[in-house]
Protein backbone atom coordinates (compact mmCIF):
# COMPACT_ATOMS: atom_id res chain seq x y z
CA MET A 1 22.45 7.35 12.07
CA ASP A 2 22.63 7.20 8.26
CA TYR A 3 20.03 5.84 5.82
CA LEU A 4 21.71 2.44 5.57
CA SER A 5 21.78 2.09 9.35
CA PHE A 6 18.09 2.99 9.48
CA HIS A 7 17.24 0.09 7.16
CA LEU A 8 19.51 -2.32 9.00
CA LEU A 9 17.84 -1.42 12.28
CA PHE A 10 14.18 -1.00 11.33
CA THR A 11 13.21 -2.52 8.00
CA VAL A 12 15.50 -5.42 7.09
CA PRO A 13 15.09 -7.38 10.38
CA VAL A 14 11.29 -7.04 10.30
CA PHE A 15 11.16 -8.07 6.66
CA ALA A 16 13.37 -11.10 7.32
CA ALA A 17 11.22 -12.19 10.29
CA LEU A 18 7.93 -11.80 8.41
CA ALA A 19 9.28 -13.53 5.31
CA ALA A 20 10.44 -16.47 7.45
CA VAL A 21 7.03 -16.79 9.11
CA TYR A 22 5.30 -16.50 5.74
CA LEU A 23 7.42 -19.23 4.17
CA ARG A 24 6.75 -21.51 7.13
CA LYS A 25 3.00 -20.81 7.01
CA ARG A 26 2.81 -21.62 3.31
CA LEU A 27 3.68 -25.20 4.17
CA TYR A 28 0.42 -25.55 6.08
CA VAL A 29 -2.13 -23.14 4.61
CA ASP A 30 -3.46 -22.73 1.12
CA ASP A 31 -2.64 -19.12 0.35
CA PRO A 32 -1.77 -17.84 -3.12
CA SER A 33 1.71 -17.28 -4.43
CA PRO A 34 3.63 -14.15 -3.38
CA TRP A 35 3.15 -12.64 -6.83
CA GLY A 36 0.62 -10.20 -5.39
CA VAL A 37 3.30 -8.71 -3.14
CA VAL A 38 5.84 -8.60 -5.96
CA ILE A 39 3.43 -6.89 -8.35
CA VAL A 40 2.35 -4.31 -5.77
CA ALA A 41 5.99 -3.61 -4.84
CA PHE A 42 6.85 -3.03 -8.50
CA ILE A 43 3.89 -0.68 -8.96
CA ALA A 44 4.82 1.20 -5.77
CA PHE A 45 8.40 1.63 -6.97
CA THR A 46 7.33 2.87 -10.41
CA TYR A 47 4.52 5.14 -9.25
CA THR A 48 6.25 6.66 -6.23
CA THR A 49 9.64 7.51 -7.76
CA PRO A 50 8.59 10.58 -9.82
CA TRP A 51 6.40 11.91 -6.98
CA ASP A 52 9.20 11.48 -4.47
CA SER A 53 11.69 13.18 -6.79
CA TYR A 54 9.34 16.12 -7.24
CA MET A 55 8.77 16.48 -3.51
CA ILE A 56 12.51 16.46 -2.81
CA GLY A 57 12.96 19.06 -5.54
CA GLN A 58 10.37 21.25 -3.81
CA GLU A 59 12.34 20.80 -0.56
CA VAL A 60 9.41 19.30 1.32
CA TRP A 61 12.09 17.24 3.03
CA TRP A 62 15.84 16.86 2.76
CA TYR A 63 18.55 14.74 4.32
CA GLY A 64 21.17 15.23 6.98
CA ASP A 65 24.87 15.56 6.22
CA GLY A 66 26.63 12.30 5.52
CA VAL A 67 23.54 10.07 5.73
CA LEU A 68 23.31 9.16 2.03
CA LEU A 69 25.36 6.77 -0.07
CA ALA A 70 24.13 7.86 -3.50
CA ARG A 71 21.33 9.64 -5.35
CA PHE A 72 19.60 8.87 -8.62
CA TRP A 73 17.22 11.46 -10.08
CA ARG A 74 17.33 13.38 -6.78
CA VAL A 75 16.12 10.29 -4.87
CA PRO A 76 18.54 8.62 -2.43
CA LEU A 77 19.37 4.95 -2.86
CA GLY A 78 17.89 4.23 0.57
CA GLU A 79 14.61 5.77 -0.55
CA TYR A 80 14.38 3.43 -3.53
CA PHE A 81 14.97 0.56 -1.15
CA PHE A 82 12.13 1.89 1.01
CA PHE A 83 9.77 1.87 -2.00
CA VAL A 84 10.29 -1.88 -2.27
CA ILE A 85 10.75 -3.11 1.27
CA GLN A 86 7.71 -1.35 2.74
CA PRO A 87 5.26 -3.17 0.40
CA LEU A 88 7.09 -6.41 1.12
CA ILE A 89 6.82 -5.91 4.89
CA THR A 90 3.16 -4.94 4.71
CA GLY A 91 2.37 -7.67 2.19
CA PHE A 92 3.92 -10.49 4.17
CA TRP A 93 2.20 -9.22 7.31
CA LEU A 94 -1.11 -9.27 5.44
CA TYR A 95 -0.58 -12.85 4.33
CA ILE A 96 0.00 -13.83 7.96
CA VAL A 97 -3.17 -11.96 8.98
CA LEU A 98 -5.12 -13.86 6.34
CA THR A 99 -4.30 -17.14 8.05
CA ARG A 100 -6.21 -15.88 11.11
CA LEU A 101 -9.19 -14.01 9.67
CA ASP A 102 -12.06 -15.14 7.48
CA ILE A 103 -12.68 -13.55 4.10
CA ARG A 104 -16.26 -12.58 3.23
CA SER A 105 -17.88 -12.57 -0.20
CA ALA A 106 -18.10 -9.30 -2.10
CA GLY A 107 -21.83 -8.62 -1.74
CA SER A 108 -23.60 -5.71 -3.44
CA TRP A 109 -21.68 -3.59 -5.96
CA THR A 110 -23.28 -0.33 -4.81
CA PRO A 111 -20.64 0.64 -2.19
CA ARG A 112 -17.84 0.66 -4.74
CA TRP A 113 -19.38 3.56 -6.66
CA LEU A 114 -19.82 5.55 -3.45
CA LEU A 115 -16.24 4.82 -2.36
CA ALA A 116 -14.86 5.75 -5.77
CA ALA A 117 -16.77 9.03 -5.66
CA GLY A 118 -15.32 9.66 -2.20
CA ALA A 119 -11.81 9.05 -3.55
CA VAL A 120 -12.44 11.62 -6.29
CA VAL A 121 -13.41 14.12 -3.59
CA VAL A 122 -10.25 13.24 -1.64
CA THR A 123 -8.14 13.88 -4.74
CA ALA A 124 -9.83 17.23 -5.39
CA LEU A 125 -9.38 18.24 -1.75
CA GLY A 126 -5.71 17.32 -1.98
CA TRP A 127 -5.27 19.45 -5.09
CA TRP A 128 -6.87 22.40 -3.31
CA TRP A 129 -4.66 21.97 -0.25
CA ALA A 130 -1.57 21.62 -2.43
CA GLN A 131 -2.08 25.19 -3.60
CA GLY A 132 -1.33 26.50 -0.10
CA THR A 133 2.10 26.65 1.49
CA PRO A 134 1.46 25.09 4.94
CA THR A 135 -0.83 22.42 3.47
CA PHE A 136 1.34 21.61 0.44
CA TYR A 137 2.77 18.31 1.74
CA LEU A 138 -0.61 17.18 3.06
CA GLY A 139 -2.31 18.00 -0.23
CA MET A 140 0.33 16.33 -2.37
CA ILE A 141 -0.06 13.08 -0.44
CA LEU A 142 -3.76 13.05 -1.34
CA VAL A 143 -3.08 14.08 -4.94
CA TRP A 144 -0.64 11.18 -5.24
CA ALA A 145 -2.79 8.56 -3.49
CA GLY A 146 -6.26 9.69 -4.61
CA PRO A 147 -6.21 8.36 -8.20
CA VAL A 148 -5.05 4.94 -6.98
CA LEU A 149 -7.88 4.88 -4.43
CA VAL A 150 -10.33 5.73 -7.21
CA LEU A 151 -9.12 2.70 -9.18
CA GLN A 152 -9.04 0.33 -6.21
CA TRP A 153 -12.39 1.36 -4.76
CA GLY A 154 -14.05 1.66 -8.15
CA TYR A 155 -12.97 -1.87 -9.01
CA GLY A 156 -13.45 -3.71 -5.72
CA GLY A 157 -14.58 -1.27 -3.06
CA HIS A 158 -17.58 -3.46 -2.23
CA TYR A 159 -15.26 -6.40 -1.57
CA LEU A 160 -12.85 -4.31 0.53
CA LEU A 161 -15.70 -2.86 2.57
CA ARG A 162 -17.04 -6.33 3.33
CA ASN A 163 -13.56 -7.26 4.54
CA ILE A 164 -12.73 -4.04 6.36
CA HIS A 165 -11.62 -6.10 9.37
CA VAL A 166 -8.83 -7.59 7.25
CA VAL A 167 -7.85 -4.19 5.84
CA VAL A 168 -7.59 -2.70 9.34
CA ALA A 169 -5.64 -5.67 10.69
CA GLY A 170 -3.22 -5.42 7.76
CA VAL A 171 -2.79 -1.65 7.85
CA ALA A 172 -2.79 -0.63 11.53
CA PRO A 173 0.23 -2.54 12.93
CA THR A 174 2.52 -1.82 9.98
CA THR A 175 1.53 1.86 9.98
CA LEU A 176 2.23 2.23 13.70
CA TYR A 177 5.58 0.48 13.38
CA LEU A 178 6.83 2.36 10.32
CA ALA A 179 5.56 5.70 11.64
CA SER A 180 7.42 5.07 14.91
CA ALA A 181 10.59 4.20 12.98
CA ASP A 182 10.11 7.37 10.91
CA ARG A 183 9.92 9.44 14.09
CA VAL A 184 13.24 7.98 15.26
CA ALA A 185 14.82 8.79 11.89
CA ILE A 186 13.61 12.40 12.07
CA GLU A 187 14.92 12.77 15.61
CA ASN A 188 18.32 11.50 14.45
CA GLY A 189 18.46 13.81 11.44
CA VAL A 190 18.27 11.15 8.75
CA TRP A 191 15.68 13.32 7.03
CA ILE A 192 14.37 16.76 7.91
CA ILE A 193 10.77 17.79 7.23
CA SER A 194 10.10 21.35 6.08
CA ASP A 195 8.36 23.59 8.61
CA GLU A 196 7.19 25.93 5.87
CA LEU A 197 5.42 23.31 3.71
CA THR A 198 3.71 21.41 6.54
CA THR A 199 0.88 22.21 8.90
CA GLY A 200 3.07 22.02 12.01
CA ILE A 201 0.66 19.55 13.61
CA ASP A 202 2.44 16.69 15.39
CA VAL A 203 1.07 13.46 16.83
CA LEU A 204 3.36 12.15 19.57
CA GLY A 205 6.22 14.05 17.99
CA LEU A 206 5.54 12.86 14.43
CA PRO A 207 4.37 15.36 11.78
CA VAL A 208 0.80 14.49 10.82
CA GLU A 209 1.82 14.39 7.16
CA GLU A 210 4.31 11.60 7.81
CA GLY A 211 1.72 9.57 9.68
CA LEU A 212 -0.80 10.09 6.88
CA PHE A 213 1.77 9.01 4.30
CA PHE A 214 2.41 5.67 5.99
CA LEU A 215 -1.30 5.14 6.59
CA VAL A 216 -2.17 5.77 2.95
CA THR A 217 0.72 3.78 1.49
CA ASN A 218 -0.07 0.76 3.64
CA MET A 219 -3.74 1.02 2.67
CA LEU A 220 -2.79 0.98 -1.00
CA VAL A 221 -0.55 -2.05 -0.49
CA VAL A 222 -3.07 -4.04 1.56
CA GLN A 223 -5.97 -3.24 -0.74
CA GLY A 224 -3.91 -3.97 -3.84
CA ILE A 225 -2.90 -7.41 -2.61
CA MET A 226 -6.42 -8.23 -1.43
CA LEU A 227 -7.86 -7.24 -4.81
CA PHE A 228 -5.23 -9.34 -6.54
CA ARG A 229 -6.23 -12.37 -4.47
CA TRP A 230 -9.92 -11.68 -4.98
CA THR A 231 -9.48 -11.39 -8.75
CA LEU A 232 -7.64 -14.71 -8.88
CA ASN A 233 -10.35 -16.40 -6.83
CA GLU A 234 -13.14 -14.93 -8.96
CA TRP A 235 -11.35 -16.07 -12.09
CA ARG A 236 -11.00 -19.59 -10.71
CA VAL A 237 -14.69 -19.69 -9.81
CA TRP A 238 -15.64 -18.45 -13.27
CA CYS A 239 -13.43 -21.08 -14.92
CA ASP A 240 -14.94 -23.82 -12.77
CA GLU A 241 -18.47 -22.68 -13.60
CA TYR A 242 -17.65 -22.43 -17.30
CA GLU A 243 -16.20 -25.94 -17.27
CA THR A 244 -19.32 -27.24 -15.52
CA VAL A 245 -21.60 -25.60 -18.09
CA GLU A 246 -19.47 -26.91 -20.92
CA ARG A 247 -19.66 -30.46 -19.56
CA PHE A 248 -23.45 -30.13 -19.16
CA VAL A 249 -23.88 -28.91 -22.75
CA ARG A 250 -21.79 -31.80 -24.07
CA ARG A 251 -24.13 -34.27 -22.36
CA LEU A 252 -27.28 -32.80 -23.90
CA PRO A 253 -28.83 -34.97 -26.63
CA VAL A 254 -28.31 -33.66 -30.11
CA SER A 255 -31.40 -33.79 -32.32
CA ASN A 256 -31.00 -34.45 -36.02
CA PRO A 257 -32.77 -31.99 -38.30
């Protein structure tokens, strides 16, 4: 199996199926435009590329003989494709989930500060782990994801916590699927994970670092899209309220001095 075959078997068919369902659902439900998915996919591509290049340079993982078509800045072409198609898969799945589950209002702002503080701790813990050899990969995942979690949770953690059922429903199935596909790729030598720079802990044959990576990346995608939708809705509400106030003020009698 090469990298192209991996995508043709595991990512492209799922993306096509979810996109088809999403397009059909949009005819019947009032969900926002797919710009949230597109924006998150662009951010994922831009933010992940230098980290991925660095990790390959450190030989955290490498690729089997004859599995790559081309490389750019150390990163294989198939990897760039992964940066885009994973957010698209997870994003379209989330939109489908949102047709089934209710969204709750944001509630108190207090939880967002606590969550943001927790994300800072996660980042610091990752930096500490990244100093060790067997915990390097694990730590670098947290160093990479932690700052984004700080931003997401600091901005809308209270909203995400109120809608944790949506976050879980959006993250869990895609994580299980992509982690399972990753395990097949490792077994077939598409990519090889370093024994020296990992903890050696496996879950059903999958290195724990790989499972954590897909869990965290899907969390970032789901939360990013949900915050995008929430921001649009809040903006619309604010505009409606402002228009109502403006109309009320216009109707007030004006007294002459």
